[in-house]
Amino acid sequence: AALLALVEDRGRVGLWRHPATGDAPMQLVAGGVLSGFARAADGSVLVYARDTAQYPPALFAARGDGSGERSIETLNHAILARHSLGDVREFTIDGWNGEPVQMFVTYPPGFDPKRKWPLMHSIHGGPHAAHHDGWHFRWNTQVFAGQGYVVAAVNYHGSSGYGQKFLETITGRYGEKEFADTEAATDYLLAAGYIDPRRLTATGGSYGGFMVAYMNGHTDRYRAFVCHAGCY
């Protein structure tokens, strides 16, 4: 006997099997982001929905042990074929106090590292949430990248998916470490040579809106801030 559950882990959500015997859990299906699953009564087949930063939710099937994955629908293929999507890369940067922090970066279609591009931070809400290798239907980094921005999505201190200790590092001191992580990401991308230091922007909703307001009071190097439904 075992429990199947969706588990968030470092910017992705996969399907894991947790044996009732107490043995170590095992990942059956990797993310992107799995948003739902079902299993045949005899356990022989799994069906699940997965999205990534470059594809909206799609349905897949696999054997009960997660092997033999196959796509079982193509509903969005024709729509996506009409659009150019940017590359998404994952980085680990030295954030607050030199501690490692994960960052996803979405690049404009046709990105040329020899050119100078504007930077847009997409700061997640929560604060105990995270950016994923997933398809967001509101803060979609591909939409922003399609307008010519390099889009940074930093999983700052306090983000979920990195353990309870990391989650609680910002409790009672909101803003300080998250700001340091975001600034470290800006420095990292400026050092890469393809970001225009005169065109830095930051956006966020809910707690991300709080962070944008916090940044507005702590630095003047950003050209614009977008504060959506900021929490105070």
Protein backbone atom coordinates (compact mmCIF):
# COMPACT_ATOMS: atom_id res chain seq x y z
CA ALA A 1 0.00 0.00 0.00
CA ALA A 2 1.16 3.52 -0.73
CA LEU A 3 -0.04 7.10 -0.87
CA LEU A 4 0.28 9.01 -4.13
CA ALA A 5 0.63 12.77 -3.80
CA LEU A 6 1.67 15.85 -5.73
CA VAL A 7 4.80 17.33 -4.14
CA GLU A 8 6.37 20.73 -4.74
CA ASP A 9 10.15 20.54 -4.96
CA ARG A 10 12.48 23.33 -6.09
CA GLY A 11 10.25 25.06 -8.59
CA ARG A 12 8.50 21.95 -9.87
CA VAL A 13 5.55 19.78 -8.84
CA GLY A 14 5.78 16.03 -9.46
CA LEU A 15 3.84 12.90 -8.54
CA TRP A 16 5.41 10.91 -5.71
CA ARG A 17 4.71 7.51 -4.17
CA HIS A 18 4.93 7.30 -0.39
CA PRO A 19 4.98 3.64 0.82
CA ALA A 20 2.84 2.86 3.85
CA THR A 21 5.81 0.89 5.21
CA GLY A 22 7.68 4.12 5.86
CA ASP A 23 10.26 3.45 3.17
CA ALA A 24 11.69 6.39 1.27
CA PRO A 25 9.27 8.11 -1.15
CA MET A 26 9.91 7.79 -4.87
CA GLN A 27 9.06 10.20 -7.67
CA LEU A 28 6.87 8.51 -10.26
CA VAL A 29 6.35 11.45 -12.64
CA ALA A 30 8.49 14.57 -12.83
CA GLY A 31 7.29 18.15 -13.32
CA GLY A 32 7.05 20.92 -14.78
CA VAL A 33 3.91 21.25 -12.78
CA LEU A 34 1.46 18.38 -12.38
CA SER A 35 -1.94 19.80 -11.49
CA GLY A 36 -3.98 16.61 -11.22
CA PHE A 37 -3.82 12.87 -11.69
CA ALA A 38 -5.93 9.70 -11.65
CA ARG A 39 -5.00 6.05 -11.41
CA ALA A 40 -6.77 2.98 -12.79
CA ALA A 41 -8.40 0.79 -10.16
CA ASP A 42 -5.82 -1.96 -10.70
CA GLY A 43 -2.95 0.56 -10.55
CA SER A 44 -1.76 -0.22 -14.05
CA VAL A 45 -2.27 3.20 -15.63
CA LEU A 46 -1.70 6.79 -14.51
CA VAL A 47 -3.27 9.80 -16.23
CA TYR A 48 -2.14 13.32 -15.34
CA ALA A 49 -2.04 16.95 -16.45
CA ARG A 50 1.33 18.65 -16.73
CA ASP A 51 2.33 22.13 -17.80
CA THR A 52 5.73 23.76 -18.20
CA ALA A 53 7.03 27.28 -18.73
CA GLN A 54 6.72 26.66 -22.47
CA TYR A 55 3.46 24.71 -22.69
CA PRO A 56 0.01 25.01 -21.04
CA PRO A 57 -1.57 22.03 -19.23
CA ALA A 58 -1.68 18.89 -21.37
CA LEU A 59 -2.80 15.33 -20.65
CA PHE A 60 -0.43 12.38 -20.46
CA ALA A 61 -0.68 8.70 -19.55
CA ALA A 62 1.93 6.29 -18.21
CA ARG A 63 2.20 2.87 -16.65
CA GLY A 64 1.52 2.64 -12.94
CA ASP A 65 5.21 2.98 -12.12
CA GLY A 66 5.49 6.20 -14.16
CA SER A 67 7.29 4.62 -17.11
CA GLY A 68 6.19 4.66 -20.73
CA GLU A 69 4.80 8.19 -20.74
CA ARG A 70 2.74 9.17 -23.77
CA SER A 71 0.75 12.24 -24.77
CA ILE A 72 -3.00 11.60 -25.05
CA GLU A 73 -4.17 14.93 -26.48
CA THR A 74 -2.96 17.69 -28.81
CA LEU A 75 -5.57 20.39 -28.22
CA ASN A 76 -3.18 23.37 -28.10
CA HIS A 77 -0.62 22.30 -30.70
CA ALA A 78 -2.11 24.38 -33.53
CA ILE A 79 -2.51 27.49 -31.38
CA LEU A 80 1.02 27.36 -30.02
CA ALA A 81 2.44 26.74 -33.49
CA ARG A 82 1.34 30.29 -34.38
CA HIS A 83 3.50 31.85 -31.66
CA SER A 84 7.21 32.14 -30.96
CA LEU A 85 8.20 31.25 -27.40
CA GLY A 86 11.41 32.17 -25.63
CA ASP A 87 13.94 29.89 -23.97
CA VAL A 88 13.64 29.38 -20.21
CA ARG A 89 16.81 28.79 -18.22
CA GLU A 90 17.32 27.96 -14.57
CA PHE A 91 20.09 29.51 -12.46
CA THR A 92 21.30 29.28 -8.88
CA ILE A 93 22.55 32.63 -7.60
CA ASP A 94 24.12 33.82 -4.36
CA GLY A 95 21.29 35.61 -2.58
CA TRP A 96 21.01 37.12 0.89
CA ASN A 97 24.12 36.39 2.96
CA GLY A 98 25.55 34.42 0.04
CA GLU A 99 22.93 31.66 0.38
CA PRO A 100 21.83 29.85 -2.82
CA VAL A 101 18.57 30.96 -4.42
CA GLN A 102 16.86 29.56 -7.52
CA MET A 103 15.91 31.77 -10.45
CA PHE A 104 14.07 31.06 -13.69
CA VAL A 105 14.79 33.43 -16.59
CA THR A 106 12.62 33.66 -19.70
CA TYR A 107 14.30 35.15 -22.74
CA PRO A 108 12.64 36.94 -25.68
CA PRO A 109 12.15 34.92 -28.86
CA GLY A 110 15.19 35.48 -31.04
CA PHE A 111 17.29 36.50 -28.05
CA ASP A 112 20.77 37.75 -29.01
CA PRO A 113 23.20 38.01 -26.07
CA LYS A 114 25.24 40.61 -27.97
CA ARG A 115 22.36 43.08 -27.72
CA LYS A 116 21.17 45.01 -24.66
CA TRP A 117 17.73 44.03 -23.38
CA PRO A 118 15.41 45.48 -20.72
CA LEU A 119 15.00 43.44 -17.54
CA MET A 120 11.65 42.74 -15.89
CA HIS A 121 11.40 41.06 -12.49
CA SER A 122 8.22 39.06 -11.98
CA ILE A 123 8.01 38.83 -8.18
CA HIS A 124 5.71 36.12 -6.85
CA GLY A 125 3.11 36.61 -4.14
CA GLY A 126 2.57 34.62 -1.00
CA PRO A 127 5.22 35.16 0.25
CA HIS A 128 5.13 31.41 0.88
CA ALA A 129 4.65 30.38 -2.74
CA ALA A 130 7.07 29.96 -5.63
CA HIS A 131 7.77 30.46 -9.29
CA HIS A 132 7.56 27.14 -11.11
CA ASP A 133 8.61 25.65 -14.40
CA GLY A 134 4.94 26.09 -15.22
CA TRP A 135 2.42 27.94 -17.35
CA HIS A 136 0.86 30.89 -15.50
CA PHE A 137 -2.40 32.20 -16.96
CA ARG A 138 -2.01 35.70 -15.47
CA TRP A 139 1.68 36.44 -14.85
CA ASN A 140 2.87 34.55 -17.90
CA THR A 141 6.55 35.22 -18.45
CA GLN A 142 6.31 34.25 -22.12
CA VAL A 143 3.89 37.15 -22.70
CA PHE A 144 6.32 39.63 -21.12
CA ALA A 145 9.29 38.12 -22.95
CA GLY A 146 7.33 38.37 -26.18
CA GLN A 147 7.37 42.15 -25.67
CA GLY A 148 11.17 42.11 -25.62
CA TYR A 149 11.94 41.76 -21.90
CA VAL A 150 14.33 39.36 -20.23
CA VAL A 151 12.09 38.17 -17.38
CA ALA A 152 13.58 37.10 -14.06
CA ALA A 153 11.54 34.98 -11.63
CA VAL A 154 13.42 34.62 -8.32
CA ASN A 155 12.40 32.12 -5.66
CA TYR A 156 13.53 34.34 -2.82
CA HIS A 157 13.91 33.40 0.85
CA GLY A 158 10.51 32.36 2.19
CA SER A 159 9.46 30.59 -1.00
CA SER A 160 7.85 27.16 -0.78
CA GLY A 161 9.40 23.97 -2.09
CA TYR A 162 12.79 24.29 -0.39
CA GLY A 163 11.98 22.98 3.08
CA GLN A 164 10.32 24.43 6.15
CA LYS A 165 13.47 26.13 7.44
CA PHE A 166 13.88 28.13 4.23
CA LEU A 167 10.17 28.96 4.31
CA GLU A 168 10.41 30.50 7.76
CA THR A 169 13.62 32.50 7.24
CA ILE A 170 11.67 35.71 6.54
CA THR A 171 9.09 35.45 9.33
CA GLY A 172 8.94 38.72 11.26
CA ARG A 173 11.43 40.45 8.94
CA TYR A 174 9.50 40.78 5.72
CA GLY A 175 11.24 42.37 2.76
CA GLU A 176 14.90 42.36 3.76
CA LYS A 177 16.06 38.98 2.47
CA GLU A 178 13.65 38.94 -0.46
CA PHE A 179 14.99 42.33 -1.55
CA ALA A 180 18.60 41.14 -1.26
CA ASP A 181 17.77 38.05 -3.36
CA THR A 182 16.10 40.15 -6.05
CA GLU A 183 18.98 42.63 -6.16
CA ALA A 184 21.45 39.75 -6.39
CA ALA A 185 19.54 38.47 -9.42
CA THR A 186 19.73 41.89 -11.05
CA ASP A 187 23.47 42.05 -10.41
CA TYR A 188 23.93 38.55 -11.80
CA LEU A 189 22.10 39.37 -15.03
CA LEU A 190 23.82 42.73 -15.43
CA ALA A 191 27.16 40.95 -15.12
CA ALA A 192 26.12 38.63 -17.96
CA GLY A 193 26.41 41.67 -20.26
CA TYR A 194 23.09 41.58 -22.11
CA ILE A 195 20.91 43.70 -19.78
CA ASP A 196 20.55 47.46 -20.26
CA PRO A 197 21.15 49.03 -16.80
CA ARG A 198 18.98 52.00 -17.83
CA ARG A 199 15.93 49.77 -18.40
CA LEU A 200 15.34 47.82 -15.19
CA THR A 201 11.75 47.17 -14.09
CA ALA A 202 10.03 45.14 -11.39
CA THR A 203 6.45 43.89 -11.21
CA GLY A 204 4.46 41.91 -8.68
CA GLY A 205 1.02 41.16 -7.29
CA SER A 206 -0.18 40.68 -3.71
CA TYR A 207 2.99 40.04 -1.67
CA GLY A 208 4.86 40.68 -4.90
CA GLY A 209 3.18 44.09 -4.89
CA PHE A 210 4.40 44.60 -1.33
CA MET A 211 7.92 43.77 -2.51
CA VAL A 212 7.70 46.21 -5.40
CA ALA A 213 6.70 48.96 -2.96
CA TYR A 214 9.54 47.89 -0.64
CA MET A 215 11.99 48.11 -3.53
CA ASN A 216 10.66 51.55 -4.44
CA GLY A 217 11.68 52.70 -0.97
CA HIS A 218 15.11 51.06 -0.95
CA THR A 219 16.66 51.58 -4.40
CA ASP A 220 16.48 54.06 -7.25
CA ARG A 221 18.07 52.03 -10.04
CA TYR A 222 14.78 50.73 -11.49
CA ARG A 223 13.06 52.70 -14.20
CA ALA A 224 9.54 51.56 -13.32
CA PHE A 225 7.59 49.48 -10.80
CA VAL A 226 4.21 47.81 -11.28
CA CYS A 227 2.48 47.18 -7.95
CA HIS A 228 -0.64 45.04 -8.42
CA ALA A 229 -2.89 44.53 -5.36
CA GLY A 230 0.00 45.05 -2.98
CA CYS A 231 -0.44 43.86 0.63
CA TYR A 232 0.28 46.25 3.50
